[in-house]
N, C-alpha and C. Protein backbone atom coordinates (compact mmCIF):
# COMPACT_ATOMS: atom_id res chain seq x y z
N MET A 1 124.03 98.93 129.88
CA MET A 1 123.54 100.28 130.69
C MET A 1 124.70 100.91 131.42
N PRO A 2 124.81 102.32 131.21
CA PRO A 2 125.85 102.86 131.83
C PRO A 2 125.41 102.93 133.33
N SER A 3 126.62 102.75 134.29
CA SER A 3 126.58 102.80 135.59
C SER A 3 126.24 104.20 135.95
N ALA A 4 125.64 104.26 137.28
CA ALA A 4 125.03 105.47 137.84
C ALA A 4 125.97 106.68 137.95
N ASN A 5 127.01 106.52 138.05
CA ASN A 5 128.01 107.63 138.10
C ASN A 5 128.33 108.39 136.71
N VAL A 6 128.09 107.48 135.59
CA VAL A 6 128.56 108.03 134.33
C VAL A 6 127.32 109.02 133.62
N ARG A 7 127.63 110.24 133.64
CA ARG A 7 126.42 110.75 133.16
C ARG A 7 126.08 110.74 131.52
N SER A 8 125.24 110.75 130.91
CA SER A 8 124.90 110.85 129.26
C SER A 8 125.22 112.23 128.93
N LYS A 9 125.92 111.95 127.77
CA LYS A 9 126.35 113.21 127.04
C LYS A 9 125.37 113.69 126.10
N ILE A 10 125.05 114.90 126.23
CA ILE A 10 123.99 115.73 125.11
C ILE A 10 124.93 116.87 124.51
N LEU A 11 124.86 116.65 122.90
CA LEU A 11 125.39 117.82 122.33
C LEU A 11 124.09 118.91 121.88
N ILE A 12 124.06 120.02 122.04
CA ILE A 12 123.15 121.05 122.07
C ILE A 12 123.65 121.78 120.72
N VAL A 13 122.97 121.98 119.53
CA VAL A 13 123.57 122.59 118.26
C VAL A 13 122.55 123.69 118.17
N GLU A 14 122.49 125.04 118.78
CA GLU A 14 121.57 125.98 118.72
C GLU A 14 122.23 127.32 118.36
N ASP A 15 121.84 128.07 117.68
CA ASP A 15 122.44 129.55 117.49
C ASP A 15 122.06 130.65 118.30
N ASN A 16 120.77 130.52 118.78
CA ASN A 16 120.18 131.35 119.68
C ASN A 16 120.81 131.29 121.11
N ALA A 17 121.58 132.16 121.55
CA ALA A 17 122.31 132.20 122.79
C ALA A 17 121.30 131.71 123.94
N LEU A 18 120.29 132.63 123.87
CA LEU A 18 119.21 132.39 125.31
C LEU A 18 118.62 131.01 125.11
N ASN A 19 118.34 130.27 124.14
CA ASN A 19 117.91 129.04 123.84
C ASN A 19 118.57 128.04 124.34
N ARG A 20 119.92 128.15 123.69
CA ARG A 20 121.40 127.55 123.94
C ARG A 20 121.46 127.36 125.46
N GLN A 21 121.66 128.58 126.03
CA GLN A 21 121.87 128.65 127.45
C GLN A 21 120.67 128.22 128.32
N MET A 22 119.45 128.25 127.93
CA MET A 22 118.33 127.56 128.84
C MET A 22 118.47 126.19 128.50
N LEU A 23 118.67 125.54 127.60
CA LEU A 23 118.75 123.95 127.33
C LEU A 23 119.84 123.40 128.04
N ASP A 24 120.95 124.09 127.81
CA ASP A 24 122.38 123.65 128.51
C ASP A 24 122.02 123.72 130.20
N ASP A 25 121.60 124.82 130.54
CA ASP A 25 121.49 125.04 132.06
C ASP A 25 120.28 123.91 132.66
N TYR A 26 118.82 123.61 131.69
CA TYR A 26 118.50 122.80 132.37
C TYR A 26 118.74 121.22 132.22
N LEU A 27 119.33 121.06 131.31
CA LEU A 27 119.68 119.66 130.95
C LEU A 27 120.99 119.24 132.11
N SER A 28 121.77 120.36 132.39
CA SER A 28 122.95 119.99 133.35
C SER A 28 122.14 119.66 134.35
N PHE A 29 121.17 120.58 134.94
CA PHE A 29 120.51 120.44 136.03
C PHE A 29 119.85 119.02 136.36
N CYS A 30 119.56 118.53 135.24
CA CYS A 30 118.91 117.03 135.18
C CYS A 30 119.99 116.10 135.09
N GLY A 31 121.12 116.39 135.15
CA GLY A 31 122.27 115.53 135.13
C GLY A 31 123.02 115.05 134.12
N TYR A 32 122.78 115.67 133.14
CA TYR A 32 123.45 115.40 132.01
C TYR A 32 124.69 116.20 131.60
N GLU A 33 125.62 115.75 130.98
CA GLU A 33 126.85 116.24 130.53
C GLU A 33 126.40 116.82 129.25
N ILE A 34 126.73 118.05 129.15
CA ILE A 34 126.20 119.13 128.00
C ILE A 34 127.34 119.74 127.37
N LEU A 35 127.59 119.79 125.83
CA LEU A 35 128.29 120.52 125.19
C LEU A 35 127.24 121.28 124.28
N SER A 36 127.54 122.69 124.00
CA SER A 36 126.62 123.56 123.22
C SER A 36 127.51 124.12 122.37
N LEU A 37 127.13 124.21 120.96
CA LEU A 37 127.79 124.79 119.84
C LEU A 37 126.66 125.84 119.46
N ALA A 38 127.35 127.13 119.04
CA ALA A 38 126.39 128.11 118.19
C ALA A 38 126.11 127.92 116.83
N ASP A 39 126.84 126.92 116.36
CA ASP A 39 127.02 126.86 114.69
C ASP A 39 127.68 125.35 114.48
N GLY A 40 127.60 125.18 113.26
CA GLY A 40 128.19 123.87 112.88
C GLY A 40 129.74 123.84 112.50
N THR A 41 130.48 124.87 112.42
CA THR A 41 131.67 124.97 112.12
C THR A 41 132.72 123.87 112.35
N CYS A 42 132.65 123.70 113.79
CA CYS A 42 133.56 122.55 114.24
C CYS A 42 132.82 121.51 114.74
N PHE A 43 131.33 121.26 114.41
CA PHE A 43 130.54 120.14 114.61
C PHE A 43 131.29 118.73 114.49
N PHE A 44 131.89 118.44 113.55
CA PHE A 44 132.12 116.97 113.42
C PHE A 44 133.31 116.83 114.19
N GLN A 45 134.45 117.71 114.52
CA GLN A 45 135.41 117.84 115.30
C GLN A 45 134.97 117.61 116.86
N LYS A 46 133.71 118.24 117.18
CA LYS A 46 133.36 118.33 118.65
C LYS A 46 132.60 116.90 118.71
N MET A 47 132.23 116.35 117.65
CA MET A 47 131.33 115.01 117.77
C MET A 47 132.51 113.93 117.90
N ILE A 48 133.71 113.88 117.56
CA ILE A 48 134.70 113.20 117.58
C ILE A 48 135.38 113.27 118.92
N GLU A 49 135.60 114.58 119.66
CA GLU A 49 135.94 114.49 121.04
C GLU A 49 134.96 114.40 122.02
N PHE A 50 133.89 114.72 121.95
CA PHE A 50 132.77 114.75 123.20
C PHE A 50 132.13 113.40 123.08
N GLN A 51 131.77 112.78 121.96
CA GLN A 51 131.04 111.43 121.81
C GLN A 51 129.60 111.37 122.52
N PRO A 52 128.82 112.33 121.94
CA PRO A 52 127.46 112.31 122.61
C PRO A 52 126.85 111.04 122.41
N GLN A 53 125.79 110.86 123.39
CA GLN A 53 124.84 110.00 123.43
C GLN A 53 123.50 110.43 122.50
N LEU A 54 123.27 111.63 122.53
CA LEU A 54 122.42 112.19 121.86
C LEU A 54 122.60 113.73 121.40
N ILE A 55 121.54 114.24 120.25
CA ILE A 55 122.02 115.65 119.82
C ILE A 55 120.88 116.35 119.76
N LEU A 56 120.86 117.67 120.32
CA LEU A 56 119.60 118.59 120.12
C LEU A 56 120.11 119.36 118.97
N LEU A 57 119.36 119.31 117.73
CA LEU A 57 119.69 119.98 116.78
C LEU A 57 118.70 121.07 116.17
N ASP A 58 118.91 122.41 115.99
CA ASP A 58 118.32 123.60 115.53
C ASP A 58 118.33 123.25 113.99
N LEU A 59 117.49 123.71 113.41
CA LEU A 59 117.57 123.59 111.66
C LEU A 59 118.17 124.62 111.23
N LYS A 60 117.91 125.87 111.75
CA LYS A 60 118.16 127.35 111.23
C LYS A 60 119.64 127.65 111.81
N LEU A 61 120.64 127.35 111.44
CA LEU A 61 122.10 127.97 111.89
C LEU A 61 122.74 128.99 110.88
N PRO A 62 123.52 129.70 111.50
CA PRO A 62 124.00 130.63 110.57
C PRO A 62 125.21 130.14 109.54
N ASP A 63 125.74 128.99 109.67
CA ASP A 63 126.67 128.41 108.72
C ASP A 63 126.45 127.39 108.00
N ILE A 64 125.15 126.61 108.23
CA ILE A 64 125.07 125.23 107.75
C ILE A 64 123.54 125.04 107.96
N ASP A 65 122.99 124.45 106.94
CA ASP A 65 121.62 124.06 107.20
C ASP A 65 121.66 122.77 108.16
N GLY A 66 120.73 122.76 109.08
CA GLY A 66 120.65 121.77 109.98
C GLY A 66 120.00 120.43 109.42
N TYR A 67 119.46 120.48 108.22
CA TYR A 67 119.02 119.45 107.58
C TYR A 67 120.28 118.74 107.06
N THR A 68 121.20 119.56 106.46
CA THR A 68 122.45 119.33 105.70
C THR A 68 122.98 118.23 106.84
N LEU A 69 123.32 118.88 108.11
CA LEU A 69 123.89 118.12 109.19
C LEU A 69 123.22 116.91 109.76
N LEU A 70 122.08 116.70 109.61
CA LEU A 70 121.13 115.85 110.00
C LEU A 70 121.53 114.66 108.94
N GLU A 71 121.43 114.95 107.52
CA GLU A 71 121.67 113.95 106.47
C GLU A 71 123.01 113.44 106.60
N LYS A 72 124.31 114.12 106.88
CA LYS A 72 125.47 114.07 106.99
C LYS A 72 125.53 112.93 108.42
N LEU A 73 124.84 112.99 109.42
CA LEU A 73 125.23 112.25 110.38
C LEU A 73 124.49 111.03 110.12
N LYS A 74 123.16 110.93 109.66
CA LYS A 74 122.63 109.69 109.32
C LYS A 74 123.25 108.93 108.04
N ASN A 75 123.99 109.58 107.21
CA ASN A 75 124.70 108.75 106.58
C ASN A 75 126.09 108.13 107.16
N SER A 76 126.44 108.55 108.36
CA SER A 76 127.95 108.11 108.58
C SER A 76 127.59 106.98 109.38
N ALA A 77 128.48 106.05 109.22
CA ALA A 77 128.50 104.63 109.83
C ALA A 77 128.52 104.77 111.46
N ASP A 78 129.47 105.95 111.77
CA ASP A 78 130.03 106.07 112.94
C ASP A 78 128.90 106.66 113.88
N TRP A 79 128.19 107.65 113.16
CA TRP A 79 127.22 108.41 113.99
C TRP A 79 125.80 108.21 113.68
N GLN A 80 125.46 107.32 112.79
CA GLN A 80 123.80 106.99 112.35
C GLN A 80 123.06 106.44 113.43
N HIS A 81 123.50 105.81 114.38
CA HIS A 81 123.00 105.19 115.57
C HIS A 81 122.81 106.32 116.68
N ILE A 82 123.30 107.44 116.68
CA ILE A 82 122.87 108.68 117.62
C ILE A 82 121.51 109.14 117.42
N PRO A 83 120.91 109.08 118.31
CA PRO A 83 119.43 109.87 118.18
C PRO A 83 119.53 111.31 118.28
N ILE A 84 118.89 111.79 117.37
CA ILE A 84 118.97 113.30 116.96
C ILE A 84 117.39 113.87 116.92
N PHE A 85 117.18 114.94 118.12
CA PHE A 85 115.94 115.56 118.51
C PHE A 85 115.87 116.61 117.77
N VAL A 86 115.38 117.19 116.80
CA VAL A 86 115.17 118.40 116.16
C VAL A 86 114.61 119.35 117.06
N VAL A 87 115.07 120.56 117.44
CA VAL A 87 114.51 121.51 118.35
C VAL A 87 114.44 122.87 117.32
N SER A 88 113.11 123.25 116.67
CA SER A 88 113.15 124.33 115.72
C SER A 88 111.89 125.16 115.75
N ALA A 89 112.06 126.37 115.20
CA ALA A 89 110.87 127.19 115.14
C ALA A 89 110.02 126.85 114.13
N PHE A 90 110.65 125.91 113.07
CA PHE A 90 109.99 125.95 111.99
C PHE A 90 108.73 124.76 112.26
N ALA A 91 107.52 125.23 112.41
CA ALA A 91 106.37 124.55 112.69
C ALA A 91 105.64 123.77 111.95
N PHE A 92 105.82 123.93 110.74
CA PHE A 92 105.09 123.67 109.36
C PHE A 92 105.44 121.89 109.45
N SER A 93 104.09 121.38 109.01
CA SER A 93 104.36 119.69 109.02
C SER A 93 105.47 119.09 107.78
N ALA A 94 105.50 120.24 106.85
CA ALA A 94 106.42 119.53 105.75
C ALA A 94 107.98 119.75 106.38
N ASP A 95 108.40 120.45 107.27
CA ASP A 95 109.40 120.76 107.70
C ASP A 95 109.77 119.34 108.64
N GLN A 96 108.82 119.30 109.47
CA GLN A 96 108.84 118.10 110.33
C GLN A 96 109.01 116.69 109.56
N GLN A 97 108.04 116.38 108.51
CA GLN A 97 108.26 115.34 107.59
C GLN A 97 109.53 115.09 107.21
N ARG A 98 110.22 116.46 106.72
CA ARG A 98 111.56 116.38 106.08
C ARG A 98 112.67 115.97 107.04
N ALA A 99 112.65 116.43 108.23
CA ALA A 99 113.38 116.25 109.52
C ALA A 99 113.35 114.66 109.71
N LEU A 100 112.18 114.20 110.02
CA LEU A 100 112.09 112.78 110.39
C LEU A 100 112.62 112.01 108.99
N SER A 101 112.21 112.26 108.03
CA SER A 101 112.59 111.42 106.77
C SER A 101 114.04 111.20 106.70
N LEU A 102 114.78 112.68 106.98
CA LEU A 102 116.39 112.32 107.08
C LEU A 102 117.00 111.86 108.13
N GLY A 103 116.00 111.56 109.25
CA GLY A 103 116.64 110.41 110.14
C GLY A 103 116.55 111.08 111.68
N ALA A 104 115.81 112.25 111.84
CA ALA A 104 115.64 112.88 113.05
C ALA A 104 114.67 111.75 113.89
N THR A 105 114.85 111.52 115.47
CA THR A 105 114.25 110.72 116.19
C THR A 105 113.09 111.26 116.56
N ARG A 106 113.32 112.61 116.95
CA ARG A 106 112.11 113.49 117.54
C ARG A 106 111.91 114.52 116.87
N TYR A 107 110.83 115.59 116.64
CA TYR A 107 110.83 116.73 116.46
C TYR A 107 110.34 117.71 117.55
N PHE A 108 110.55 118.53 117.91
CA PHE A 108 110.31 119.53 119.31
C PHE A 108 109.85 121.10 118.30
N VAL A 109 108.97 121.83 118.50
CA VAL A 109 108.75 123.26 117.84
C VAL A 109 108.92 123.95 119.14
N LYS A 110 109.83 125.00 118.89
CA LYS A 110 109.83 126.26 119.71
C LYS A 110 108.91 126.84 119.90
N PRO A 111 108.48 127.38 121.54
CA PRO A 111 109.06 127.38 122.63
C PRO A 111 109.02 125.70 122.93
N VAL A 112 110.04 125.08 123.48
CA VAL A 112 109.90 123.40 123.75
C VAL A 112 109.47 123.43 125.30
N ASN A 113 108.60 122.57 125.41
CA ASN A 113 108.20 121.93 126.74
C ASN A 113 109.35 121.26 127.25
N LEU A 114 109.93 121.74 128.55
CA LEU A 114 111.17 121.34 128.83
C LEU A 114 110.75 119.83 129.63
N THR A 115 109.72 119.85 130.12
CA THR A 115 109.05 118.50 130.76
C THR A 115 108.85 117.53 129.87
N GLU A 116 108.35 117.75 128.89
CA GLU A 116 108.34 116.60 127.43
C GLU A 116 109.66 116.38 127.05
N LEU A 117 110.49 117.63 126.84
CA LEU A 117 111.88 117.14 126.24
C LEU A 117 112.75 116.39 127.13
N LYS A 118 112.57 116.55 128.58
CA LYS A 118 113.40 115.84 129.52
C LYS A 118 112.99 114.18 129.51
N GLN A 119 111.59 114.16 129.46
CA GLN A 119 111.07 112.82 129.30
C GLN A 119 111.31 112.19 127.94
N ALA A 120 111.33 112.69 126.95
CA ALA A 120 111.71 112.07 125.45
C ALA A 120 113.13 111.73 125.68
N ILE A 121 114.05 112.50 126.25
CA ILE A 121 115.41 112.28 126.46
C ILE A 121 115.68 110.99 127.31
N LYS A 122 115.02 111.17 128.26
CA LYS A 122 115.16 109.96 129.31
C LYS A 122 114.57 108.48 128.55
N GLU A 123 113.58 108.72 127.71
CA GLU A 123 113.09 107.39 127.41
C GLU A 123 114.19 106.85 126.25
N GLU A 124 114.52 107.99 125.37
CA GLU A 124 115.62 107.52 124.23
C GLU A 124 116.83 106.94 124.96
N LEU A 125 117.56 107.45 125.95
CA LEU A 125 118.47 107.17 126.49
C LEU A 125 118.37 105.85 127.26
N ALA A 126 117.45 105.57 127.83
CA ALA A 126 117.07 104.33 128.54
C ALA A 126 117.26 102.80 127.76
N THR A 127 116.93 103.17 126.33
CA THR A 127 116.87 101.97 125.27
C THR A 127 118.43 101.56 125.04
């Protein structure tokens, strides 16, 4: 278990600037160290540099499909242990099932209930 002065790191991958800023601000306020990306361009480089404990991933990104990123992460020995919460506007159960079958830990439909998200992150990082 990390010591109290070590903040858990969360990587946010969200192309919508407003959503990205809101998640960044809220989770920073909650005490997490945040890195936000608007697309997947330098995603794997940032994974190496930042070493997040949890990822919030949008499925609809301008340069890469979120499902593709999810699949690559879960097929990587280095990153398959990192919990991934999908945060998407895709509300259909087929989208949710696909993401979960590819290895997503949880699935949140936008607009996200921040209290529920905070609780889920707290639960996930406590294990």
